[in-house]
Amino acid sequence: MLIQSVFAAAREVFSPALRRILWKSIGLTLALLFIVGFGLVRLVKYFIENHSVSADYPILDSIALFLTGAGIIFGLFYLLPAVSAIVAGYFLDDVADVVERQDYPADTRGQALPFGRSILYGLRFAGLSLLVNLAALFLLFIPGINIGAFFIANAYLLGREYFELAAGRFWSAEEVARLRTENRGTVLAAGAVLAGLVLVPVVNLITPIFGAVMMVHLHKKLTHGPAKWTPVRREDNASIEKY
């Protein structure tokens, strides 16, 4: 089930139908990382210029600024899961519409999440991800533990966030939580795939779209077949019930 979803995502993420969304996703991811990185560099530069303790040795300030910039670039790596969630929340419905239309034409289409709700999902996850990855960053000097903590935490967080975004097109928040809990092992394993992808430089830029495609397929597979969950078409303000 999960393996099929992973292969489907790998096959479709670069497909013509999704290519435009993929490029926009990569552009937005890079833009957000640049804005955060630029802001941090300017903040550090301002602090050094106005609180310098080495006026007689200006080269020390230059070295400090360079090392700080390098540290910020490294730190942006830890921000990538949070940025990925925000980007995924923005593009999820576009991706889901494509996947549902071409792979599940006979099924009832999901309804786009309200824009505010999708962004709220992303911001909520981003805040939690920042806290968790900041804790992992403090473990940097303990060999093996920091990468392990980063991977495990993000496997859980990414699996949960992407699954809730995909399932939220069909179910109420309560039903989404229930469905995720009933399939927690599968969702965690899917999150581990995304956490592994985040660890690969450059390739990690496709995480938002790859994750969205994979979770749309995974949600479909979990809710198809006898005795499985069946989504009910709803109006925007109606709740989703299980029958």
Protein backbone atom coordinates (compact mmCIF):
# COMPACT_ATOMS: atom_id res chain seq x y z
CA MET A 1 0.00 0.00 0.00
CA LEU A 2 2.65 2.52 1.04
CA ILE A 3 5.16 1.23 -1.51
CA GLN A 4 2.57 1.63 -4.26
CA SER A 5 1.92 5.20 -3.14
CA VAL A 6 5.66 6.01 -3.09
CA PHE A 7 6.17 4.66 -6.61
CA ALA A 8 3.08 6.50 -7.84
CA ALA A 9 4.46 9.76 -6.41
CA ALA A 10 7.90 9.15 -7.94
CA ARG A 11 6.27 8.49 -11.30
CA GLU A 12 3.92 11.47 -11.26
CA VAL A 13 5.85 14.25 -9.53
CA PHE A 14 7.69 15.14 -12.76
CA SER A 15 4.74 14.41 -15.05
CA PRO A 16 3.56 17.15 -17.46
CA ALA A 17 0.33 17.58 -15.47
CA LEU A 18 2.25 18.44 -12.28
CA ARG A 19 5.40 20.00 -13.71
CA ARG A 20 4.16 23.57 -13.52
CA ILE A 21 3.02 23.13 -9.91
CA LEU A 22 6.37 21.53 -9.07
CA TRP A 23 8.36 24.48 -10.41
CA LYS A 24 6.16 26.95 -8.57
CA SER A 25 6.60 24.90 -5.39
CA ILE A 26 10.38 24.89 -5.73
CA GLY A 27 10.38 28.62 -6.41
CA LEU A 28 8.26 29.36 -3.34
CA THR A 29 10.41 27.09 -1.15
CA LEU A 30 13.61 28.82 -2.26
CA ALA A 31 12.02 32.25 -1.86
CA LEU A 32 10.93 31.53 1.72
CA LEU A 33 14.34 30.12 2.64
CA PHE A 34 16.06 33.16 1.07
CA ILE A 35 13.83 35.61 2.94
CA VAL A 36 14.46 33.90 6.27
CA GLY A 37 18.20 33.58 5.63
CA PHE A 38 18.55 37.18 4.42
CA GLY A 39 16.65 38.47 7.42
CA LEU A 40 18.83 36.53 9.85
CA VAL A 41 22.05 37.69 8.16
CA ARG A 42 20.92 41.33 8.30
CA LEU A 43 19.97 40.93 11.96
CA VAL A 44 23.34 39.44 12.86
CA LYS A 45 25.19 42.09 10.83
CA TYR A 46 23.28 44.85 12.62
CA PHE A 47 24.11 43.33 16.01
CA ILE A 48 27.82 43.01 15.18
CA GLU A 49 28.06 46.54 13.80
CA ASN A 50 26.33 48.09 16.82
CA HIS A 51 27.71 45.89 19.58
CA SER A 52 31.22 45.23 18.36
CA VAL A 53 33.78 44.38 21.03
CA SER A 54 36.65 44.30 18.59
CA ALA A 55 36.90 47.84 17.22
CA ASP A 56 40.69 47.58 17.16
CA TYR A 57 40.51 44.34 15.17
CA PRO A 58 37.75 44.73 12.54
CA ILE A 59 38.85 41.53 10.84
CA LEU A 60 37.41 39.65 13.82
CA ASP A 61 33.97 41.11 13.04
CA SER A 62 34.33 39.98 9.41
CA ILE A 63 35.27 36.49 10.51
CA ALA A 64 32.37 36.42 12.97
CA LEU A 65 29.94 37.55 10.26
CA PHE A 66 31.24 34.91 7.83
CA LEU A 67 30.97 32.11 10.38
CA THR A 68 27.52 33.28 11.40
CA GLY A 69 26.41 33.31 7.76
CA ALA A 70 27.70 29.77 7.29
CA GLY A 71 25.87 28.73 10.44
CA ILE A 72 22.65 30.30 9.18
CA ILE A 73 22.93 28.38 5.89
CA PHE A 74 23.37 25.18 7.88
CA GLY A 75 20.46 26.15 10.12
CA LEU A 76 18.18 26.63 7.11
CA PHE A 77 18.50 22.89 6.56
CA TYR A 78 16.65 22.42 9.85
CA LEU A 79 13.99 24.88 8.71
CA LEU A 80 13.23 22.97 5.52
CA PRO A 81 10.56 20.67 7.02
CA ALA A 82 8.66 23.68 8.35
CA VAL A 83 8.91 25.51 5.04
CA SER A 84 7.89 22.32 3.24
CA ALA A 85 4.67 22.13 5.25
CA ILE A 86 3.72 25.72 4.43
CA VAL A 87 4.36 25.15 0.73
CA ALA A 88 2.48 21.83 0.77
CA GLY A 89 -0.51 23.48 2.40
CA TYR A 90 -0.55 26.09 -0.35
CA PHE A 91 -0.35 23.64 -3.28
CA LEU A 92 -2.06 20.53 -1.87
CA ASP A 93 -5.46 21.12 -3.46
CA ASP A 94 -3.95 21.81 -6.89
CA VAL A 95 -1.95 18.58 -6.68
CA ALA A 96 -4.87 16.55 -5.33
CA ASP A 97 -7.17 17.77 -8.12
CA VAL A 98 -4.70 16.51 -10.73
CA VAL A 99 -4.12 13.14 -9.05
CA GLU A 100 -7.80 12.50 -8.36
CA ARG A 101 -8.82 13.46 -11.89
CA GLN A 102 -6.30 11.26 -13.71
CA ASP A 103 -5.98 8.30 -11.31
CA TYR A 104 -9.41 8.10 -9.68
CA PRO A 105 -11.83 9.46 -12.30
CA ALA A 106 -14.77 7.38 -11.06
CA ASP A 107 -14.45 8.52 -7.44
CA THR A 108 -16.12 11.46 -5.79
CA ARG A 109 -13.72 14.40 -5.86
CA GLY A 110 -12.48 15.89 -2.64
CA GLN A 111 -13.34 19.46 -1.76
CA ALA A 112 -10.62 22.05 -1.49
CA LEU A 113 -9.80 23.06 2.05
CA PRO A 114 -10.67 26.67 2.83
CA PHE A 115 -7.55 28.75 2.15
CA GLY A 116 -7.35 29.90 5.75
CA ARG A 117 -7.61 26.36 7.07
CA SER A 118 -4.89 25.01 4.77
CA ILE A 119 -2.54 27.84 5.70
CA LEU A 120 -3.40 27.35 9.38
CA TYR A 121 -2.44 23.69 9.05
CA GLY A 122 0.89 24.73 7.55
CA LEU A 123 1.63 27.41 10.11
CA ARG A 124 0.66 25.14 13.00
CA PHE A 125 3.00 22.46 11.75
CA ALA A 126 5.73 24.99 10.97
CA GLY A 127 5.69 26.28 14.55
CA LEU A 128 5.82 22.77 16.01
CA SER A 129 8.50 21.75 13.54
CA LEU A 130 10.64 24.75 14.47
CA LEU A 131 10.51 23.82 18.13
CA VAL A 132 11.31 20.17 17.50
CA ASN A 133 14.14 20.86 15.06
CA LEU A 134 15.58 23.53 17.33
CA ALA A 135 15.83 20.84 20.00
CA ALA A 136 17.49 18.55 17.46
CA LEU A 137 19.92 21.35 16.58
CA PHE A 138 21.04 21.55 20.22
CA LEU A 139 22.04 17.87 19.92
CA LEU A 140 24.34 18.74 17.01
CA PHE A 141 27.53 17.89 18.88
CA ILE A 142 26.34 14.45 19.95
CA PRO A 143 27.30 12.19 17.01
CA GLY A 144 24.46 10.13 15.61
CA ILE A 145 21.85 11.39 18.03
CA ASN A 146 21.13 14.70 16.29
CA ILE A 147 20.40 13.13 12.88
CA GLY A 148 18.41 10.36 14.56
CA ALA A 149 16.33 12.88 16.52
CA PHE A 150 15.82 15.00 13.40
CA PHE A 151 14.69 11.97 11.40
CA ILE A 152 12.30 10.47 13.98
CA ALA A 153 10.69 13.79 14.89
CA ASN A 154 10.15 14.77 11.28
CA ALA A 155 8.88 11.32 10.30
CA TYR A 156 6.05 11.82 12.78
CA LEU A 157 5.45 15.49 12.01
CA LEU A 158 5.61 15.21 8.21
CA GLY A 159 3.48 12.07 8.12
CA ARG A 160 0.82 13.69 10.27
CA GLU A 161 0.78 17.02 8.45
CA TYR A 162 0.68 15.71 4.89
CA PHE A 163 -1.90 13.05 5.73
CA GLU A 164 -4.19 15.57 7.41
CA LEU A 165 -3.96 17.86 4.38
CA ALA A 166 -4.88 15.04 1.97
CA ALA A 167 -7.62 13.49 4.12
CA GLY A 168 -9.04 16.89 5.06
CA ARG A 169 -10.46 17.20 1.55
CA PHE A 170 -12.96 14.46 2.46
CA TRP A 171 -13.31 14.38 6.21
CA SER A 172 -13.91 16.62 9.19
CA ALA A 173 -10.99 17.29 11.52
CA GLU A 174 -12.32 14.72 14.01
CA GLU A 175 -12.63 12.00 11.37
CA VAL A 176 -9.22 12.81 9.95
CA ALA A 177 -7.67 12.37 13.40
CA ARG A 178 -9.54 9.09 13.85
CA LEU A 179 -8.47 7.75 10.46
CA ARG A 180 -4.86 8.75 11.13
CA THR A 181 -4.90 7.08 14.54
CA GLU A 182 -6.29 3.84 13.11
CA ASN A 183 -3.47 3.79 10.56
CA ARG A 184 -0.73 5.37 12.65
CA GLY A 185 1.94 2.86 11.60
CA THR A 186 1.37 3.41 7.90
CA VAL A 187 1.22 7.19 8.30
CA LEU A 188 4.45 7.17 10.34
CA ALA A 189 6.18 5.04 7.69
CA ALA A 190 5.03 7.50 5.01
CA GLY A 191 6.43 10.30 7.15
CA ALA A 192 9.73 8.44 7.35
CA VAL A 193 9.90 8.44 3.54
CA LEU A 194 9.46 12.22 3.54
CA ALA A 195 11.95 12.70 6.39
CA GLY A 196 14.49 10.70 4.40
CA LEU A 197 13.80 12.84 1.34
CA VAL A 198 14.38 16.01 3.38
CA LEU A 199 17.88 14.77 4.24
CA VAL A 200 18.96 14.69 0.58
CA PRO A 201 20.24 18.10 -0.61
CA VAL A 202 18.55 19.55 -3.72
CA VAL A 203 16.21 16.55 -3.99
CA ASN A 204 14.54 17.76 -0.80
CA LEU A 205 13.12 20.72 -2.76
CA ILE A 206 10.52 18.40 -4.32
CA THR A 207 9.30 17.24 -0.89
CA PRO A 208 6.07 19.34 -0.85
CA ILE A 209 4.78 18.01 -4.18
CA PHE A 210 6.11 14.48 -3.75
CA GLY A 211 4.56 14.31 -0.28
CA ALA A 212 1.24 15.68 -1.48
CA VAL A 213 0.99 13.14 -4.33
CA MET A 214 2.04 10.25 -2.09
CA MET A 215 -0.47 11.11 0.63
CA VAL A 216 -3.34 11.56 -1.82
CA HIS A 217 -2.67 8.03 -3.08
CA LEU A 218 -2.20 6.66 0.42
CA HIS A 219 -5.45 8.18 1.66
CA LYS A 220 -7.27 6.69 -1.33
CA LYS A 221 -5.85 3.24 -0.67
CA LEU A 222 -6.73 3.39 3.03
CA THR A 223 -10.32 4.38 2.31
CA HIS A 224 -11.04 2.06 -0.63
CA GLY A 225 -12.41 -1.46 -0.56
CA PRO A 226 -14.89 -3.39 1.59
CA ALA A 227 -15.32 -2.39 5.23
CA LYS A 228 -13.16 0.67 4.67
CA TRP A 229 -13.92 4.32 5.19
CA THR A 230 -16.23 5.91 2.63
CA PRO A 231 -16.15 9.69 2.23
CA VAL A 232 -19.45 11.52 1.99
CA ARG A 233 -19.85 14.53 -0.26
CA ARG A 234 -20.51 17.60 1.83
CA GLU A 235 -21.20 21.29 1.58
CA ASP A 236 -18.50 23.69 2.72
CA ASN A 237 -20.04 24.20 6.16
CA ALA A 238 -21.37 20.69 6.70
CA SER A 239 -19.65 18.06 8.74
CA ILE A 240 -18.51 14.76 7.25
CA GLU A 241 -20.04 11.64 8.64
CA LYS A 242 -19.05 8.03 8.37
CA TYR A 243 -21.54 5.46 7.26
